[in-house]
mmCIF file of all heavy atoms, coordinates in Angstrom:
data_MODEL
# 
_entry.id   MODEL 
# 
loop_
_atom_site.group_PDB 
_atom_site.id 
_atom_site.type_symbol 
_atom_site.label_atom_id 
_atom_site.label_alt_id 
_atom_site.label_comp_id 
_atom_site.label_asym_id 
_atom_site.label_entity_id 
_atom_site.label_seq_id 
_atom_site.pdbx_PDB_ins_code 
_atom_site.Cartn_x 
_atom_site.Cartn_y 
_atom_site.Cartn_z 
_atom_site.occupancy 
_atom_site.B_iso_or_equiv 
_atom_site.pdbx_formal_charge 
_atom_site.auth_seq_id 
_atom_site.auth_comp_id 
_atom_site.auth_asym_id 
_atom_site.auth_atom_id 
_atom_site.pdbx_PDB_model_num 
ATOM 1   N N   . ASN A 1 1  ? 0.878  -1.231 0.084   1.00 0.00 ? 1  ASN A N   1 
ATOM 2   C CA  . ASN A 1 1  ? 0.042  -0.008 -0.010  1.00 0.00 ? 1  ASN A CA  1 
ATOM 3   C C   . ASN A 1 1  ? 0.850  1.288  0.029   1.00 0.00 ? 1  ASN A C   1 
ATOM 4   O O   . ASN A 1 1  ? 0.587  2.260  0.710   1.00 0.00 ? 1  ASN A O   1 
ATOM 5   C CB  . ASN A 1 1  ? -0.968 -0.004 1.181   1.00 0.00 ? 1  ASN A CB  1 
ATOM 6   C CG  . ASN A 1 1  ? -2.071 1.018  1.005   1.00 0.00 ? 1  ASN A CG  1 
ATOM 7   O OD1 . ASN A 1 1  ? -2.583 1.342  -0.078  1.00 0.00 ? 1  ASN A OD1 1 
ATOM 8   N ND2 . ASN A 1 1  ? -2.552 1.499  2.189   1.00 0.00 ? 1  ASN A ND2 1 
ATOM 9   N N   . LYS A 1 2  ? 1.885  1.375  -0.859  1.00 0.00 ? 2  LYS A N   1 
ATOM 10  C CA  . LYS A 1 2  ? 2.879  2.407  -0.956  1.00 0.00 ? 2  LYS A CA  1 
ATOM 11  C C   . LYS A 1 2  ? 2.519  3.152  -2.155  1.00 0.00 ? 2  LYS A C   1 
ATOM 12  O O   . LYS A 1 2  ? 2.154  2.603  -3.265  1.00 0.00 ? 2  LYS A O   1 
ATOM 13  C CB  . LYS A 1 2  ? 4.212  1.852  -1.092  1.00 0.00 ? 2  LYS A CB  1 
ATOM 14  C CG  . LYS A 1 2  ? 4.698  1.504  0.398   1.00 0.00 ? 2  LYS A CG  1 
ATOM 15  C CD  . LYS A 1 2  ? 4.821  2.587  1.349   1.00 0.00 ? 2  LYS A CD  1 
ATOM 16  C CE  . LYS A 1 2  ? 5.377  2.220  2.645   1.00 0.00 ? 2  LYS A CE  1 
ATOM 17  N NZ  . LYS A 1 2  ? 5.443  3.329  3.506   1.00 0.00 ? 2  LYS A NZ  1 
ATOM 18  N N   . PRO A 1 3  ? 2.514  4.543  -2.210  1.00 0.00 ? 3  PRO A N   1 
ATOM 19  C CA  . PRO A 1 3  ? 2.308  5.349  -3.343  1.00 0.00 ? 3  PRO A CA  1 
ATOM 20  C C   . PRO A 1 3  ? 3.375  4.970  -4.454  1.00 0.00 ? 3  PRO A C   1 
ATOM 21  O O   . PRO A 1 3  ? 4.468  4.612  -4.207  1.00 0.00 ? 3  PRO A O   1 
ATOM 22  C CB  . PRO A 1 3  ? 2.470  6.789  -2.894  1.00 0.00 ? 3  PRO A CB  1 
ATOM 23  C CG  . PRO A 1 3  ? 2.187  6.688  -1.372  1.00 0.00 ? 3  PRO A CG  1 
ATOM 24  C CD  . PRO A 1 3  ? 2.682  5.330  -0.966  1.00 0.00 ? 3  PRO A CD  1 
ATOM 25  N N   . ILE A 1 4  ? 2.777  5.067  -5.661  1.00 0.00 ? 4  ILE A N   1 
ATOM 26  C CA  . ILE A 1 4  ? 3.711  4.765  -6.917  1.00 0.00 ? 4  ILE A CA  1 
ATOM 27  C C   . ILE A 1 4  ? 3.994  6.137  -7.607  1.00 0.00 ? 4  ILE A C   1 
ATOM 28  O O   . ILE A 1 4  ? 3.131  6.872  -7.879  1.00 0.00 ? 4  ILE A O   1 
ATOM 29  C CB  . ILE A 1 4  ? 3.019  3.793  -7.789  1.00 0.00 ? 4  ILE A CB  1 
ATOM 30  C CG1 . ILE A 1 4  ? 2.869  2.419  -7.098  1.00 0.00 ? 4  ILE A CG1 1 
ATOM 31  C CG2 . ILE A 1 4  ? 3.725  3.624  -9.177  1.00 0.00 ? 4  ILE A CG2 1 
ATOM 32  C CD1 . ILE A 1 4  ? 1.981  1.426  -7.874  1.00 0.00 ? 4  ILE A CD1 1 
ATOM 33  N N   . THR A 1 5  ? 5.305  6.287  -7.893  1.00 0.00 ? 5  THR A N   1 
ATOM 34  C CA  . THR A 1 5  ? 5.665  7.461  -8.742  1.00 0.00 ? 5  THR A CA  1 
ATOM 35  C C   . THR A 1 5  ? 6.269  6.957  -9.981  1.00 0.00 ? 5  THR A C   1 
ATOM 36  O O   . THR A 1 5  ? 6.397  5.824  -10.229 1.00 0.00 ? 5  THR A O   1 
ATOM 37  C CB  . THR A 1 5  ? 6.709  8.411  -7.973  1.00 0.00 ? 5  THR A CB  1 
ATOM 38  O OG1 . THR A 1 5  ? 7.872  7.751  -7.862  1.00 0.00 ? 5  THR A OG1 1 
ATOM 39  C CG2 . THR A 1 5  ? 6.158  8.787  -6.596  1.00 0.00 ? 5  THR A CG2 1 
ATOM 40  N N   . SER A 1 6  ? 6.403  8.023  -10.891 1.00 0.00 ? 6  SER A N   1 
ATOM 41  C CA  . SER A 1 6  ? 6.992  7.710  -12.209 1.00 0.00 ? 6  SER A CA  1 
ATOM 42  C C   . SER A 1 6  ? 8.005  8.782  -12.609 1.00 0.00 ? 6  SER A C   1 
ATOM 43  O O   . SER A 1 6  ? 7.853  9.977  -12.174 1.00 0.00 ? 6  SER A O   1 
ATOM 44  C CB  . SER A 1 6  ? 5.882  7.745  -13.357 1.00 0.00 ? 6  SER A CB  1 
ATOM 45  O OG  . SER A 1 6  ? 6.300  7.869  -14.641 1.00 0.00 ? 6  SER A OG  1 
ATOM 46  N N   . GLY A 1 7  ? 8.992  8.362  -13.323 1.00 0.00 ? 7  GLY A N   1 
ATOM 47  C CA  . GLY A 1 7  ? 10.006 9.379  -13.780 1.00 0.00 ? 7  GLY A CA  1 
ATOM 48  C C   . GLY A 1 7  ? 10.638 8.863  -15.011 1.00 0.00 ? 7  GLY A C   1 
ATOM 49  O O   . GLY A 1 7  ? 10.874 7.674  -15.220 1.00 0.00 ? 7  GLY A O   1 
ATOM 50  N N   . SER A 1 8  ? 11.127 9.730  -15.921 1.00 0.00 ? 8  SER A N   1 
ATOM 51  C CA  . SER A 1 8  ? 11.704 9.313  -17.138 1.00 0.00 ? 8  SER A CA  1 
ATOM 52  C C   . SER A 1 8  ? 13.215 8.848  -16.889 1.00 0.00 ? 8  SER A C   1 
ATOM 53  O O   . SER A 1 8  ? 13.780 8.061  -17.668 1.00 0.00 ? 8  SER A O   1 
ATOM 54  C CB  . SER A 1 8  ? 11.885 10.566 -18.066 1.00 0.00 ? 8  SER A CB  1 
ATOM 55  O OG  . SER A 1 8  ? 10.606 10.964 -18.434 1.00 0.00 ? 8  SER A OG  1 
ATOM 56  N N   . ASP A 1 9  ? 13.859 9.213  -15.768 1.00 0.00 ? 9  ASP A N   1 
ATOM 57  C CA  . ASP A 1 9  ? 15.228 8.921  -15.516 1.00 0.00 ? 9  ASP A CA  1 
ATOM 58  C C   . ASP A 1 9  ? 16.136 9.567  -16.655 1.00 0.00 ? 9  ASP A C   1 
ATOM 59  O O   . ASP A 1 9  ? 16.949 8.927  -17.248 1.00 0.00 ? 9  ASP A O   1 
ATOM 60  C CB  . ASP A 1 9  ? 15.607 7.479  -15.366 1.00 0.00 ? 9  ASP A CB  1 
ATOM 61  C CG  . ASP A 1 9  ? 16.771 7.195  -14.524 1.00 0.00 ? 9  ASP A CG  1 
ATOM 62  O OD1 . ASP A 1 9  ? 17.479 8.115  -14.280 1.00 0.00 ? 9  ASP A OD1 1 
ATOM 63  O OD2 . ASP A 1 9  ? 16.999 6.027  -14.237 1.00 0.00 ? 9  ASP A OD2 1 
ATOM 64  N N   . PHE A 1 10 ? 15.796 10.844 -17.009 1.00 0.00 ? 10 PHE A N   1 
ATOM 65  C CA  . PHE A 1 10 ? 16.288 11.537 -18.080 1.00 0.00 ? 10 PHE A CA  1 
ATOM 66  C C   . PHE A 1 10 ? 17.873 11.632 -17.969 1.00 0.00 ? 10 PHE A C   1 
ATOM 67  O O   . PHE A 1 10 ? 18.383 12.322 -16.995 1.00 0.00 ? 10 PHE A O   1 
ATOM 68  C CB  . PHE A 1 10 ? 15.752 12.916 -18.253 1.00 0.00 ? 10 PHE A CB  1 
ATOM 69  C CG  . PHE A 1 10 ? 16.201 13.714 -19.406 1.00 0.00 ? 10 PHE A CG  1 
ATOM 70  C CD1 . PHE A 1 10 ? 15.492 13.683 -20.577 1.00 0.00 ? 10 PHE A CD1 1 
ATOM 71  C CD2 . PHE A 1 10 ? 17.358 14.423 -19.357 1.00 0.00 ? 10 PHE A CD2 1 
ATOM 72  C CE1 . PHE A 1 10 ? 16.006 14.452 -21.769 1.00 0.00 ? 10 PHE A CE1 1 
ATOM 73  C CE2 . PHE A 1 10 ? 17.832 15.133 -20.413 1.00 0.00 ? 10 PHE A CE2 1 
ATOM 74  C CZ  . PHE A 1 10 ? 17.220 15.098 -21.505 1.00 0.00 ? 10 PHE A CZ  1 
ATOM 75  N N   . HIS A 1 11 ? 18.554 11.185 -18.977 1.00 0.00 ? 11 HIS A N   1 
ATOM 76  C CA  . HIS A 1 11 ? 20.051 11.393 -19.167 1.00 0.00 ? 11 HIS A CA  1 
ATOM 77  C C   . HIS A 1 11 ? 20.330 11.917 -20.551 1.00 0.00 ? 11 HIS A C   1 
ATOM 78  O O   . HIS A 1 11 ? 21.299 12.613 -20.626 1.00 0.00 ? 11 HIS A O   1 
ATOM 79  C CB  . HIS A 1 11 ? 20.821 10.031 -18.965 1.00 0.00 ? 11 HIS A CB  1 
ATOM 80  C CG  . HIS A 1 11 ? 20.886 9.598  -17.468 1.00 0.00 ? 11 HIS A CG  1 
ATOM 81  N ND1 . HIS A 1 11 ? 19.822 8.982  -16.861 1.00 0.00 ? 11 HIS A ND1 1 
ATOM 82  C CD2 . HIS A 1 11 ? 21.933 9.658  -16.586 1.00 0.00 ? 11 HIS A CD2 1 
ATOM 83  C CE1 . HIS A 1 11 ? 20.244 8.631  -15.665 1.00 0.00 ? 11 HIS A CE1 1 
ATOM 84  N NE2 . HIS A 1 11 ? 21.418 9.110  -15.522 1.00 0.00 ? 11 HIS A NE2 1 
ATOM 85  N N   . HIS A 1 12 ? 19.541 11.566 -21.479 1.00 0.00 ? 12 HIS A N   1 
ATOM 86  C CA  . HIS A 1 12 ? 19.792 11.932 -22.965 1.00 0.00 ? 12 HIS A CA  1 
ATOM 87  C C   . HIS A 1 12 ? 18.458 12.303 -23.509 1.00 0.00 ? 12 HIS A C   1 
ATOM 88  O O   . HIS A 1 12 ? 17.409 11.985 -23.118 1.00 0.00 ? 12 HIS A O   1 
ATOM 89  C CB  . HIS A 1 12 ? 20.362 10.724 -23.590 1.00 0.00 ? 12 HIS A CB  1 
ATOM 90  C CG  . HIS A 1 12 ? 21.666 10.344 -23.030 1.00 0.00 ? 12 HIS A CG  1 
ATOM 91  N ND1 . HIS A 1 12 ? 22.939 11.070 -23.256 1.00 0.00 ? 12 HIS A ND1 1 
ATOM 92  C CD2 . HIS A 1 12 ? 22.037 9.359  -22.285 1.00 0.00 ? 12 HIS A CD2 1 
ATOM 93  C CE1 . HIS A 1 12 ? 23.807 10.390 -22.573 1.00 0.00 ? 12 HIS A CE1 1 
ATOM 94  N NE2 . HIS A 1 12 ? 23.267 9.345  -22.020 1.00 0.00 ? 12 HIS A NE2 1 
ATOM 95  N N   . VAL A 1 13 ? 18.535 12.935 -24.703 1.00 0.00 ? 13 VAL A N   1 
ATOM 96  C CA  . VAL A 1 13 ? 17.297 13.409 -25.379 1.00 0.00 ? 13 VAL A CA  1 
ATOM 97  C C   . VAL A 1 13 ? 16.367 12.250 -25.745 1.00 0.00 ? 13 VAL A C   1 
ATOM 98  O O   . VAL A 1 13 ? 15.147 12.455 -25.744 1.00 0.00 ? 13 VAL A O   1 
ATOM 99  C CB  . VAL A 1 13 ? 17.716 14.118 -26.654 1.00 0.00 ? 13 VAL A CB  1 
ATOM 100 C CG1 . VAL A 1 13 ? 16.451 14.550 -27.484 1.00 0.00 ? 13 VAL A CG1 1 
ATOM 101 C CG2 . VAL A 1 13 ? 18.417 15.425 -26.405 1.00 0.00 ? 13 VAL A CG2 1 
ATOM 102 N N   . SER A 1 14 ? 16.951 11.106 -25.902 1.00 0.00 ? 14 SER A N   1 
ATOM 103 C CA  . SER A 1 14 ? 16.054 9.925  -26.159 1.00 0.00 ? 14 SER A CA  1 
ATOM 104 C C   . SER A 1 14 ? 15.239 9.594  -25.002 1.00 0.00 ? 14 SER A C   1 
ATOM 105 O O   . SER A 1 14 ? 14.266 8.731  -25.193 1.00 0.00 ? 14 SER A O   1 
ATOM 106 C CB  . SER A 1 14 ? 16.890 8.720  -26.649 1.00 0.00 ? 14 SER A CB  1 
ATOM 107 O OG  . SER A 1 14 ? 17.865 8.363  -25.573 1.00 0.00 ? 14 SER A OG  1 
ATOM 108 N N   . HIS A 1 15 ? 15.509 10.067 -23.822 1.00 0.00 ? 15 HIS A N   1 
ATOM 109 C CA  . HIS A 1 15 ? 14.838 9.735  -22.617 1.00 0.00 ? 15 HIS A CA  1 
ATOM 110 C C   . HIS A 1 15 ? 13.587 10.791 -22.328 1.00 0.00 ? 15 HIS A C   1 
ATOM 111 O O   . HIS A 1 15 ? 12.855 10.585 -21.394 1.00 0.00 ? 15 HIS A O   1 
ATOM 112 C CB  . HIS A 1 15 ? 15.689 9.693  -21.441 1.00 0.00 ? 15 HIS A CB  1 
ATOM 113 C CG  . HIS A 1 15 ? 16.785 8.758  -21.480 1.00 0.00 ? 15 HIS A CG  1 
ATOM 114 N ND1 . HIS A 1 15 ? 17.908 8.899  -20.745 1.00 0.00 ? 15 HIS A ND1 1 
ATOM 115 C CD2 . HIS A 1 15 ? 16.971 7.589  -22.291 1.00 0.00 ? 15 HIS A CD2 1 
ATOM 116 C CE1 . HIS A 1 15 ? 18.781 7.953  -21.072 1.00 0.00 ? 15 HIS A CE1 1 
ATOM 117 N NE2 . HIS A 1 15 ? 18.180 7.168  -21.912 1.00 0.00 ? 15 HIS A NE2 1 
ATOM 118 N N   . LEU A 1 16 ? 13.498 11.722 -23.162 1.00 0.00 ? 16 LEU A N   1 
ATOM 119 C CA  . LEU A 1 16 ? 12.526 12.757 -23.042 1.00 0.00 ? 16 LEU A CA  1 
ATOM 120 C C   . LEU A 1 16 ? 11.246 12.368 -22.744 1.00 0.00 ? 16 LEU A C   1 
ATOM 121 O O   . LEU A 1 16 ? 10.626 11.673 -23.622 1.00 0.00 ? 16 LEU A O   1 
ATOM 122 C CB  . LEU A 1 16 ? 12.776 13.854 -24.129 1.00 0.00 ? 16 LEU A CB  1 
ATOM 123 C CG  . LEU A 1 16 ? 11.751 15.057 -24.049 1.00 0.00 ? 16 LEU A CG  1 
ATOM 124 C CD1 . LEU A 1 16 ? 12.214 15.917 -22.918 1.00 0.00 ? 16 LEU A CD1 1 
ATOM 125 C CD2 . LEU A 1 16 ? 11.865 15.821 -25.347 1.00 0.00 ? 16 LEU A CD2 1 
ATOM 126 N N   . ALA A 1 17 ? 10.512 12.767 -21.673 1.00 0.00 ? 17 ALA A N   1 
ATOM 127 C CA  . ALA A 1 17 ? 9.050  12.723 -21.552 1.00 0.00 ? 17 ALA A CA  1 
ATOM 128 C C   . ALA A 1 17 ? 8.576  11.294 -21.476 1.00 0.00 ? 17 ALA A C   1 
ATOM 129 O O   . ALA A 1 17 ? 7.516  10.968 -21.854 1.00 0.00 ? 17 ALA A O   1 
ATOM 130 C CB  . ALA A 1 17 ? 8.280  13.435 -22.602 1.00 0.00 ? 17 ALA A CB  1 
ATOM 131 N N   . ARG A 1 18 ? 9.371  10.439 -21.027 1.00 0.00 ? 18 ARG A N   1 
ATOM 132 C CA  . ARG A 1 18 ? 9.028  9.013  -20.804 1.00 0.00 ? 18 ARG A CA  1 
ATOM 133 C C   . ARG A 1 18 ? 8.210  8.769  -19.527 1.00 0.00 ? 18 ARG A C   1 
ATOM 134 O O   . ARG A 1 18 ? 7.570  7.728  -19.415 1.00 0.00 ? 18 ARG A O   1 
ATOM 135 C CB  . ARG A 1 18 ? 10.304 8.025  -20.717 1.00 0.00 ? 18 ARG A CB  1 
ATOM 136 C CG  . ARG A 1 18 ? 11.038 7.937  -22.078 1.00 0.00 ? 18 ARG A CG  1 
ATOM 137 C CD  . ARG A 1 18 ? 12.082 6.922  -21.902 1.00 0.00 ? 18 ARG A CD  1 
ATOM 138 N NE  . ARG A 1 18 ? 12.927 6.702  -23.163 1.00 0.00 ? 18 ARG A NE  1 
ATOM 139 C CZ  . ARG A 1 18 ? 13.815 5.759  -23.206 1.00 0.00 ? 18 ARG A CZ  1 
ATOM 140 N NH1 . ARG A 1 18 ? 14.150 5.044  -22.165 1.00 0.00 ? 18 ARG A NH1 1 
ATOM 141 N NH2 . ARG A 1 18 ? 14.540 5.709  -24.410 1.00 0.00 ? 18 ARG A NH2 1 
ATOM 142 N N   . GLY A 1 19 ? 8.264  9.753  -18.587 1.00 0.00 ? 19 GLY A N   1 
ATOM 143 C CA  . GLY A 1 19 ? 7.580  9.472  -17.260 1.00 0.00 ? 19 GLY A CA  1 
ATOM 144 C C   . GLY A 1 19 ? 7.218  10.747 -16.697 1.00 0.00 ? 19 GLY A C   1 
ATOM 145 O O   . GLY A 1 19 ? 7.233  11.873 -17.333 1.00 0.00 ? 19 GLY A O   1 
ATOM 146 N N   . GLY A 1 20 ? 6.725  10.671 -15.422 1.00 0.00 ? 20 GLY A N   1 
ATOM 147 C CA  . GLY A 1 20 ? 6.337  11.869 -14.698 1.00 0.00 ? 20 GLY A CA  1 
ATOM 148 C C   . GLY A 1 20 ? 4.922  11.664 -14.151 1.00 0.00 ? 20 GLY A C   1 
ATOM 149 O O   . GLY A 1 20 ? 4.418  10.565 -14.012 1.00 0.00 ? 20 GLY A O   1 
ATOM 150 N N   . ILE A 1 21 ? 4.377  12.763 -13.722 1.00 0.00 ? 21 ILE A N   1 
ATOM 151 C CA  . ILE A 1 21 ? 2.927  12.698 -13.244 1.00 0.00 ? 21 ILE A CA  1 
ATOM 152 C C   . ILE A 1 21 ? 2.101  13.795 -13.840 1.00 0.00 ? 21 ILE A C   1 
ATOM 153 O O   . ILE A 1 21 ? 2.625  14.751 -14.245 1.00 0.00 ? 21 ILE A O   1 
ATOM 154 C CB  . ILE A 1 21 ? 3.008  12.933 -11.622 1.00 0.00 ? 21 ILE A CB  1 
ATOM 155 C CG1 . ILE A 1 21 ? 3.434  14.301 -11.285 1.00 0.00 ? 21 ILE A CG1 1 
ATOM 156 C CG2 . ILE A 1 21 ? 3.689  11.828 -10.912 1.00 0.00 ? 21 ILE A CG2 1 
ATOM 157 C CD1 . ILE A 1 21 ? 3.244  14.614 -9.840  1.00 0.00 ? 21 ILE A CD1 1 
ATOM 158 N N   . ILE A 1 22 ? 0.758  13.451 -13.827 1.00 0.00 ? 22 ILE A N   1 
ATOM 159 C CA  . ILE A 1 22 ? -0.239 14.332 -14.379 1.00 0.00 ? 22 ILE A CA  1 
ATOM 160 C C   . ILE A 1 22 ? -1.100 14.823 -13.106 1.00 0.00 ? 22 ILE A C   1 
ATOM 161 O O   . ILE A 1 22 ? -1.585 13.880 -12.400 1.00 0.00 ? 22 ILE A O   1 
ATOM 162 C CB  . ILE A 1 22 ? -1.071 13.833 -15.475 1.00 0.00 ? 22 ILE A CB  1 
ATOM 163 C CG1 . ILE A 1 22 ? -0.095 13.491 -16.647 1.00 0.00 ? 22 ILE A CG1 1 
ATOM 164 C CG2 . ILE A 1 22 ? -2.156 14.713 -15.921 1.00 0.00 ? 22 ILE A CG2 1 
ATOM 165 C CD1 . ILE A 1 22 ? -0.832 12.820 -17.811 1.00 0.00 ? 22 ILE A CD1 1 
ATOM 166 N N   . THR A 1 23 ? -1.334 16.012 -12.969 1.00 0.00 ? 23 THR A N   1 
ATOM 167 C CA  . THR A 1 23 ? -2.155 16.521 -11.867 1.00 0.00 ? 23 THR A CA  1 
ATOM 168 C C   . THR A 1 23 ? -3.007 17.702 -12.210 1.00 0.00 ? 23 THR A C   1 
ATOM 169 O O   . THR A 1 23 ? -2.549 18.459 -13.102 1.00 0.00 ? 23 THR A O   1 
ATOM 170 C CB  . THR A 1 23 ? -1.248 16.810 -10.570 1.00 0.00 ? 23 THR A CB  1 
ATOM 171 O OG1 . THR A 1 23 ? -2.112 17.285 -9.568  1.00 0.00 ? 23 THR A OG1 1 
ATOM 172 C CG2 . THR A 1 23 ? -0.135 17.746 -10.972 1.00 0.00 ? 23 THR A CG2 1 
ATOM 173 N N   . SER A 1 24 ? -4.036 17.922 -11.547 1.00 0.00 ? 24 SER A N   1 
ATOM 174 C CA  . SER A 1 24 ? -4.888 19.061 -11.733 1.00 0.00 ? 24 SER A CA  1 
ATOM 175 C C   . SER A 1 24 ? -4.312 20.237 -10.996 1.00 0.00 ? 24 SER A C   1 
ATOM 176 O O   . SER A 1 24 ? -4.766 21.418 -11.123 1.00 0.00 ? 24 SER A O   1 
ATOM 177 C CB  . SER A 1 24 ? -6.374 18.868 -11.301 1.00 0.00 ? 24 SER A CB  1 
ATOM 178 O OG  . SER A 1 24 ? -6.442 18.476 -9.945  1.00 0.00 ? 24 SER A OG  1 
ATOM 179 N N   . LYS A 1 25 ? -3.410 19.934 -9.996  1.00 0.00 ? 25 LYS A N   1 
ATOM 180 C CA  . LYS A 1 25 ? -2.800 20.933 -9.116  1.00 0.00 ? 25 LYS A CA  1 
ATOM 181 C C   . LYS A 1 25 ? -1.647 21.606 -9.800  1.00 0.00 ? 25 LYS A C   1 
ATOM 182 O O   . LYS A 1 25 ? -0.777 20.959 -10.374 1.00 0.00 ? 25 LYS A O   1 
ATOM 183 C CB  . LYS A 1 25 ? -2.355 20.293 -7.808  1.00 0.00 ? 25 LYS A CB  1 
ATOM 184 C CG  . LYS A 1 25 ? -3.480 19.438 -7.093  1.00 0.00 ? 25 LYS A CG  1 
ATOM 185 C CD  . LYS A 1 25 ? -4.551 20.276 -6.578  1.00 0.00 ? 25 LYS A CD  1 
ATOM 186 C CE  . LYS A 1 25 ? -5.592 19.368 -5.886  1.00 0.00 ? 25 LYS A CE  1 
ATOM 187 N NZ  . LYS A 1 25 ? -6.703 20.113 -5.365  1.00 0.00 ? 25 LYS A NZ  1 
ATOM 188 N N   . LYS A 1 26 ? -1.655 23.064 -9.642  1.00 0.00 ? 26 LYS A N   1 
ATOM 189 C CA  . LYS A 1 26 ? -0.424 23.675 -10.145 1.00 0.00 ? 26 LYS A CA  1 
ATOM 190 C C   . LYS A 1 26 ? 0.659  23.593 -9.007  1.00 0.00 ? 26 LYS A C   1 
ATOM 191 O O   . LYS A 1 26 ? 0.482  23.889 -7.919  1.00 0.00 ? 26 LYS A O   1 
ATOM 192 C CB  . LYS A 1 26 ? -0.835 25.113 -10.342 1.00 0.00 ? 26 LYS A CB  1 
ATOM 193 C CG  . LYS A 1 26 ? 0.378  26.107 -10.532 1.00 0.00 ? 26 LYS A CG  1 
ATOM 194 C CD  . LYS A 1 26 ? 1.031  25.771 -11.899 1.00 0.00 ? 26 LYS A CD  1 
ATOM 195 C CE  . LYS A 1 26 ? 2.174  26.854 -12.132 1.00 0.00 ? 26 LYS A CE  1 
ATOM 196 N NZ  . LYS A 1 26 ? 3.019  26.320 -13.241 1.00 0.00 ? 26 LYS A NZ  1 
ATOM 197 N N   . ILE A 1 27 ? 1.741  23.073 -9.379  1.00 0.00 ? 27 ILE A N   1 
ATOM 198 C CA  . ILE A 1 27 ? 2.984  22.934 -8.463  1.00 0.00 ? 27 ILE A CA  1 
ATOM 199 C C   . ILE A 1 27 ? 3.921  23.983 -8.676  1.00 0.00 ? 27 ILE A C   1 
ATOM 200 O O   . ILE A 1 27 ? 4.458  24.232 -9.833  1.00 0.00 ? 27 ILE A O   1 
ATOM 201 C CB  . ILE A 1 27 ? 3.666  21.584 -8.695  1.00 0.00 ? 27 ILE A CB  1 
ATOM 202 C CG1 . ILE A 1 27 ? 2.641  20.480 -8.369  1.00 0.00 ? 27 ILE A CG1 1 
ATOM 203 C CG2 . ILE A 1 27 ? 4.870  21.454 -7.848  1.00 0.00 ? 27 ILE A CG2 1 
ATOM 204 C CD1 . ILE A 1 27 ? 3.195  19.013 -8.686  1.00 0.00 ? 27 ILE A CD1 1 
ATOM 205 N N   . ASN A 1 28 ? 4.163  24.830 -7.606  1.00 0.00 ? 28 ASN A N   1 
ATOM 206 C CA  . ASN A 1 28 ? 4.966  26.009 -7.741  1.00 0.00 ? 28 ASN A CA  1 
ATOM 207 C C   . ASN A 1 28 ? 6.287  25.761 -6.839  1.00 0.00 ? 28 ASN A C   1 
ATOM 208 O O   . ASN A 1 28 ? 7.243  26.683 -6.941  1.00 0.00 ? 28 ASN A O   1 
ATOM 209 C CB  . ASN A 1 28 ? 4.392  27.339 -7.300  1.00 0.00 ? 28 ASN A CB  1 
ATOM 210 C CG  . ASN A 1 28 ? 3.260  27.635 -8.230  1.00 0.00 ? 28 ASN A CG  1 
ATOM 211 O OD1 . ASN A 1 28 ? 3.497  27.775 -9.534  1.00 0.00 ? 28 ASN A OD1 1 
ATOM 212 N ND2 . ASN A 1 28 ? 2.001  27.907 -7.755  1.00 0.00 ? 28 ASN A ND2 1 
ATOM 213 N N   . SER A 1 29 ? 6.174  24.816 -5.857  1.00 0.00 ? 29 SER A N   1 
ATOM 214 C CA  . SER A 1 29 ? 7.276  24.759 -4.961  1.00 0.00 ? 29 SER A CA  1 
ATOM 215 C C   . SER A 1 29 ? 7.367  23.234 -4.433  1.00 0.00 ? 29 SER A C   1 
ATOM 216 O O   . SER A 1 29 ? 6.576  22.424 -4.887  1.00 0.00 ? 29 SER A O   1 
ATOM 217 C CB  . SER A 1 29 ? 6.906  25.548 -3.659  1.00 0.00 ? 29 SER A CB  1 
ATOM 218 O OG  . SER A 1 29 ? 5.826  24.977 -3.032  1.00 0.00 ? 29 SER A OG  1 
# 
């Protein structure tokens, strides 16, 4: 019952936008 996150693990252009999160909340900090 642990939260799951996602990330591209970006190192090179080929890794662009492979992961992350989508939210209705604006994140400023």
